[in-house]
PDB file of all heavy atoms in Angstrom:
ATOM      1  N   SER A   1     -81.705 -38.202  31.139  1.00  0.00           N
ATOM      2  CA  SER A   1     -81.071 -39.500  31.330  1.00  0.00           C
ATOM      3  C   SER A   1     -79.615 -39.460  30.878  1.00  0.00           C
ATOM      4  O   SER A   1     -78.728 -39.993  31.562  1.00  0.00           O
ATOM      5  CB  SER A   1     -81.833 -40.578  30.549  1.00  0.00           C
ATOM      6  OG  SER A   1     -83.154 -40.701  31.027  1.00  0.00           O
ATOM      7  N   LEU A   2     -79.366 -38.826  29.736  1.00  0.00           N
ATOM      8  CA  LEU A   2     -77.988 -38.690  29.276  1.00  0.00           C
ATOM      9  C   LEU A   2     -77.187 -37.835  30.241  1.00  0.00           C
ATOM     10  O   LEU A   2     -76.021 -38.145  30.547  1.00  0.00           O
ATOM     11  CB  LEU A   2     -77.964 -38.070  27.869  1.00  0.00           C
ATOM     12  CG  LEU A   2     -76.569 -37.803  27.290  1.00  0.00           C
ATOM     13  CD1 LEU A   2     -75.749 -39.089  27.226  1.00  0.00           C
ATOM     14  CD2 LEU A   2     -76.674 -37.150  25.905  1.00  0.00           C
ATOM     15  N   GLN A   3     -77.784 -36.788  30.754  1.00  0.00           N
ATOM     16  CA  GLN A   3     -77.093 -35.927  31.712  1.00  0.00           C
ATOM     17  C   GLN A   3     -76.711 -36.714  32.968  1.00  0.00           C
ATOM     18  O   GLN A   3     -75.622 -36.538  33.521  1.00  0.00           O
ATOM     19  CB  GLN A   3     -77.987 -34.741  32.080  1.00  0.00           C
ATOM     20  CG  GLN A   3     -77.337 -33.725  32.988  1.00  0.00           C
ATOM     21  CD  GLN A   3     -78.126 -32.440  33.063  1.00  0.00           C
ATOM     22  OE1 GLN A   3     -78.054 -31.579  32.193  1.00  0.00           O
ATOM     23  NE2 GLN A   3     -78.921 -32.305  34.105  1.00  0.00           N
ATOM     24  N   ALA A   4     -77.603 -37.596  33.414  1.00  0.00           N
ATOM     25  CA  ALA A   4     -77.302 -38.422  34.584  1.00  0.00           C
ATOM     26  C   ALA A   4     -76.149 -39.375  34.298  1.00  0.00           C
ATOM     27  O   ALA A   4     -75.318 -39.653  35.178  1.00  0.00           O
ATOM     28  CB  ALA A   4     -78.545 -39.203  35.007  1.00  0.00           C
ATOM     29  N   LEU A   5     -76.070 -39.872  33.077  1.00  0.00           N
ATOM     30  CA  LEU A   5     -74.952 -40.742  32.710  1.00  0.00           C
ATOM     31  C   LEU A   5     -73.640 -39.962  32.713  1.00  0.00           C
ATOM     32  O   LEU A   5     -72.607 -40.457  33.178  1.00  0.00           O
ATOM     33  CB  LEU A   5     -75.192 -41.350  31.322  1.00  0.00           C
ATOM     34  CG  LEU A   5     -76.254 -42.446  31.231  1.00  0.00           C
ATOM     35  CD1 LEU A   5     -76.473 -42.850  29.777  1.00  0.00           C
ATOM     36  CD2 LEU A   5     -75.832 -43.661  32.061  1.00  0.00           C
ATOM     37  N   VAL A   6     -73.670 -38.745  32.194  1.00  0.00           N
ATOM     38  CA  VAL A   6     -72.459 -37.925  32.130  1.00  0.00           C
ATOM     39  C   VAL A   6     -71.948 -37.581  33.527  1.00  0.00           C
ATOM     40  O   VAL A   6     -70.737 -37.572  33.778  1.00  0.00           O
ATOM     41  CB  VAL A   6     -72.719 -36.641  31.313  1.00  0.00           C
ATOM     42  CG1 VAL A   6     -71.521 -35.693  31.389  1.00  0.00           C
ATOM     43  CG2 VAL A   6     -73.006 -36.983  29.854  1.00  0.00           C
ATOM     44  N   THR A   7     -72.857 -37.303  34.434  1.00  0.00           N
ATOM     45  CA  THR A   7     -72.463 -36.931  35.795  1.00  0.00           C
ATOM     46  C   THR A   7     -72.335 -38.135  36.721  1.00  0.00           C
ATOM     47  O   THR A   7     -71.974 -37.979  37.890  1.00  0.00           O
ATOM     48  CB  THR A   7     -73.488 -35.963  36.412  1.00  0.00           C
ATOM     49  OG1 THR A   7     -74.753 -36.629  36.540  1.00  0.00           O
ATOM     50  CG2 THR A   7     -73.637 -34.715  35.562  1.00  0.00           C
ATOM     51  N   GLY A   8     -72.666 -39.334  36.227  1.00  0.00           N
ATOM     52  CA  GLY A   8     -72.658 -40.493  37.094  1.00  0.00           C
ATOM     53  C   GLY A   8     -73.749 -40.433  38.141  1.00  0.00           C
ATOM     54  O   GLY A   8     -73.648 -41.088  39.182  1.00  0.00           O
ATOM     55  N   ALA A   9     -74.807 -39.657  37.871  1.00  0.00           N
ATOM     56  CA  ALA A   9     -75.925 -39.467  38.813  1.00  0.00           C
ATOM     57  C   ALA A   9     -75.420 -39.036  40.184  1.00  0.00           C
ATOM     58  O   ALA A   9     -76.030 -39.366  41.212  1.00  0.00           O
ATOM     59  CB  ALA A   9     -76.774 -40.743  38.920  1.00  0.00           C
ATOM     60  N   LEU A  10     -74.324 -38.286  40.198  1.00  0.00           N
ATOM     61  CA  LEU A  10     -73.704 -37.869  41.456  1.00  0.00           C
ATOM     62  C   LEU A  10     -74.657 -37.043  42.317  1.00  0.00           C
ATOM     63  O   LEU A  10     -74.810 -37.289  43.510  1.00  0.00           O
ATOM     64  CB  LEU A  10     -72.436 -37.062  41.150  1.00  0.00           C
ATOM     65  CG  LEU A  10     -71.667 -36.465  42.321  1.00  0.00           C
ATOM     66  CD1 LEU A  10     -71.036 -37.573  43.158  1.00  0.00           C
ATOM     67  CD2 LEU A  10     -70.590 -35.495  41.822  1.00  0.00           C
ATOM     68  N   HIS A  11     -75.302 -36.073  41.702  1.00  0.00           N
ATOM     69  CA  HIS A  11     -76.168 -35.181  42.467  1.00  0.00           C
ATOM     70  C   HIS A  11     -77.503 -35.847  42.807  1.00  0.00           C
ATOM     71  O   HIS A  11     -78.068 -35.591  43.875  1.00  0.00           O
ATOM     72  CB  HIS A  11     -76.403 -33.888  41.691  1.00  0.00           C
ATOM     73  CG  HIS A  11     -75.132 -33.273  41.203  1.00  0.00           C
ATOM     74  ND1 HIS A  11     -74.083 -32.971  42.035  1.00  0.00           N
ATOM     75  CD2 HIS A  11     -74.725 -32.909  39.950  1.00  0.00           C
ATOM     76  CE1 HIS A  11     -73.087 -32.451  41.331  1.00  0.00           C
ATOM     77  NE2 HIS A  11     -73.460 -32.398  40.074  1.00  0.00           N
ATOM     78  N   GLU A  12     -77.989 -36.688  41.894  1.00  0.00           N
ATOM     79  CA  GLU A  12     -79.212 -37.433  42.188  1.00  0.00           C
ATOM     80  C   GLU A  12     -79.009 -38.335  43.410  1.00  0.00           C
ATOM     81  O   GLU A  12     -79.912 -38.489  44.240  1.00  0.00           O
ATOM     82  CB  GLU A  12     -79.620 -38.272  40.973  1.00  0.00           C
ATOM     83  CG  GLU A  12     -80.229 -37.497  39.829  1.00  0.00           C
ATOM     84  CD  GLU A  12     -79.191 -36.871  38.891  1.00  0.00           C
ATOM     85  OE1 GLU A  12     -77.986 -36.958  39.204  1.00  0.00           O
ATOM     86  OE2 GLU A  12     -79.592 -36.288  37.874  1.00  0.00           O
ATOM     87  N   ASP A  13     -77.838 -38.929  43.511  1.00  0.00           N
ATOM     88  CA  ASP A  13     -77.530 -39.773  44.670  1.00  0.00           C
ATOM     89  C   ASP A  13     -77.562 -38.953  45.962  1.00  0.00           C
ATOM     90  O   ASP A  13     -78.082 -39.409  46.986  1.00  0.00           O
ATOM     91  CB  ASP A  13     -76.154 -40.419  44.484  1.00  0.00           C
ATOM     92  CG  ASP A  13     -75.766 -41.294  45.666  1.00  0.00           C
ATOM     93  OD1 ASP A  13     -76.374 -42.357  45.852  1.00  0.00           O
ATOM     94  OD2 ASP A  13     -74.839 -40.908  46.415  1.00  0.00           O
ATOM     95  N   GLY A  14     -77.008 -37.743  45.905  1.00  0.00           N
ATOM     96  CA  GLY A  14     -77.027 -36.876  47.079  1.00  0.00           C
ATOM     97  C   GLY A  14     -78.435 -36.492  47.477  1.00  0.00           C
ATOM     98  O   GLY A  14     -78.779 -36.475  48.671  1.00  0.00           O
ATOM     99  N   LEU A  15     -79.280 -36.200  46.487  1.00  0.00           N
ATOM    100  CA  LEU A  15     -80.668 -35.852  46.780  1.00  0.00           C
ATOM    101  C   LEU A  15     -81.387 -37.015  47.442  1.00  0.00           C
ATOM    102  O   LEU A  15     -82.108 -36.834  48.435  1.00  0.00           O
ATOM    103  CB  LEU A  15     -81.394 -35.457  45.484  1.00  0.00           C
ATOM    104  CG  LEU A  15     -82.892 -35.165  45.615  1.00  0.00           C
ATOM    105  CD1 LEU A  15     -83.121 -33.921  46.457  1.00  0.00           C
ATOM    106  CD2 LEU A  15     -83.532 -35.014  44.233  1.00  0.00           C
ATOM    107  N   ALA A  16     -81.204 -38.220  46.907  1.00  0.00           N
ATOM    108  CA  ALA A  16     -81.876 -39.394  47.463  1.00  0.00           C
ATOM    109  C   ALA A  16     -81.413 -39.669  48.894  1.00  0.00           C
ATOM    110  O   ALA A  16     -82.229 -39.966  49.777  1.00  0.00           O
ATOM    111  CB  ALA A  16     -81.612 -40.615  46.578  1.00  0.00           C
ATOM    112  N   ASP A  17     -80.106 -39.564  49.134  1.00  0.00           N
ATOM    113  CA  ASP A  17     -79.583 -39.808  50.478  1.00  0.00           C
ATOM    114  C   ASP A  17     -80.114 -38.781  51.476  1.00  0.00           C
ATOM    115  O   ASP A  17     -80.448 -39.118  52.620  1.00  0.00           O
ATOM    116  CB  ASP A  17     -78.056 -39.788  50.463  1.00  0.00           C
ATOM    117  CG  ASP A  17     -77.460 -41.036  49.832  1.00  0.00           C
ATOM    118  OD1 ASP A  17     -78.188 -42.033  49.704  1.00  0.00           O
ATOM    119  OD2 ASP A  17     -76.270 -41.012  49.460  1.00  0.00           O
ATOM    120  N   CYS A  18     -80.194 -37.525  51.055  1.00  0.00           N
ATOM    121  CA  CYS A  18     -80.725 -36.492  51.937  1.00  0.00           C
ATOM    122  C   CYS A  18     -82.202 -36.728  52.232  1.00  0.00           C
ATOM    123  O   CYS A  18     -82.650 -36.556  53.382  1.00  0.00           O
ATOM    124  CB  CYS A  18     -80.542 -35.110  51.309  1.00  0.00           C
ATOM    125  SG  CYS A  18     -78.873 -34.459  51.431  1.00  0.00           S
ATOM    126  N   ALA A  19     -82.965 -37.100  51.216  1.00  0.00           N
ATOM    127  CA  ALA A  19     -84.390 -37.352  51.429  1.00  0.00           C
ATOM    128  C   ALA A  19     -84.589 -38.491  52.421  1.00  0.00           C
ATOM    129  O   ALA A  19     -85.440 -38.406  53.322  1.00  0.00           O
ATOM    130  CB  ALA A  19     -85.067 -37.673  50.100  1.00  0.00           C
ATOM    131  N   ASP A  20     -83.805 -39.551  52.279  1.00  0.00           N
ATOM    132  CA  ASP A  20     -83.910 -40.677  53.213  1.00  0.00           C
ATOM    133  C   ASP A  20     -83.481 -40.261  54.619  1.00  0.00           C
ATOM    134  O   ASP A  20     -84.132 -40.613  55.611  1.00  0.00           O
ATOM    135  CB  ASP A  20     -83.039 -41.843  52.731  1.00  0.00           C
ATOM    136  CG  ASP A  20     -83.698 -42.642  51.620  1.00  0.00           C
ATOM    137  OD1 ASP A  20     -84.935 -42.672  51.562  1.00  0.00           O
ATOM    138  OD2 ASP A  20     -82.965 -43.251  50.812  1.00  0.00           O
ATOM    139  N   GLY A  21     -82.358 -39.534  54.698  1.00  0.00           N
ATOM    140  CA  GLY A  21     -81.842 -39.144  56.005  1.00  0.00           C
ATOM    141  C   GLY A  21     -82.747 -38.177  56.732  1.00  0.00           C
ATOM    142  O   GLY A  21     -83.129 -38.408  57.891  1.00  0.00           O
ATOM    143  N   PHE A  22     -83.119 -37.101  56.068  1.00  0.00           N
ATOM    144  CA  PHE A  22     -83.969 -36.099  56.702  1.00  0.00           C
ATOM    145  C   PHE A  22     -85.390 -36.618  56.923  1.00  0.00           C
ATOM    146  O   PHE A  22     -86.071 -36.216  57.865  1.00  0.00           O
ATOM    147  CB  PHE A  22     -84.003 -34.822  55.872  1.00  0.00           C
ATOM    148  CG  PHE A  22     -82.687 -34.103  55.821  1.00  0.00           C
ATOM    149  CD1 PHE A  22     -82.312 -33.379  54.690  1.00  0.00           C
ATOM    150  CD2 PHE A  22     -81.813 -34.141  56.891  1.00  0.00           C
ATOM    151  CE1 PHE A  22     -81.100 -32.709  54.639  1.00  0.00           C
ATOM    152  CE2 PHE A  22     -80.595 -33.476  56.846  1.00  0.00           C
ATOM    153  CZ  PHE A  22     -80.235 -32.762  55.727  1.00  0.00           C
ATOM    154  N   GLY A  23     -85.827 -37.506  56.031  1.00  0.00           N
ATOM    155  CA  GLY A  23     -87.179 -38.029  56.163  1.00  0.00           C
ATOM    156  C   GLY A  23     -87.299 -39.136  57.193  1.00  0.00           C
ATOM    157  O   GLY A  23     -88.342 -39.276  57.835  1.00  0.00           O
ATOM    158  N   GLY A  24     -86.235 -39.934  57.362  1.00  0.00           N
ATOM    159  CA  GLY A  24     -86.325 -41.084  58.247  1.00  0.00           C
ATOM    160  C   GLY A  24     -85.571 -40.963  59.556  1.00  0.00           C
ATOM    161  O   GLY A  24     -85.839 -41.719  60.501  1.00  0.00           O
ATOM    162  N   GLY A  25     -84.624 -40.037  59.656  1.00  0.00           N
ATOM    163  CA  GLY A  25     -83.832 -39.920  60.869  1.00  0.00           C
ATOM    164  C   GLY A  25     -84.423 -38.923  61.849  1.00  0.00           C
ATOM    165  O   GLY A  25     -84.999 -37.909  61.441  1.00  0.00           O
TER     166      GLY A  25
END
């Protein structure tokens, strides 16, 4: 959780967007 705060959850956001895109498009 602290690591996500330090990075601004930048990579987690990319993972979520890819999962939605590849899964739904």
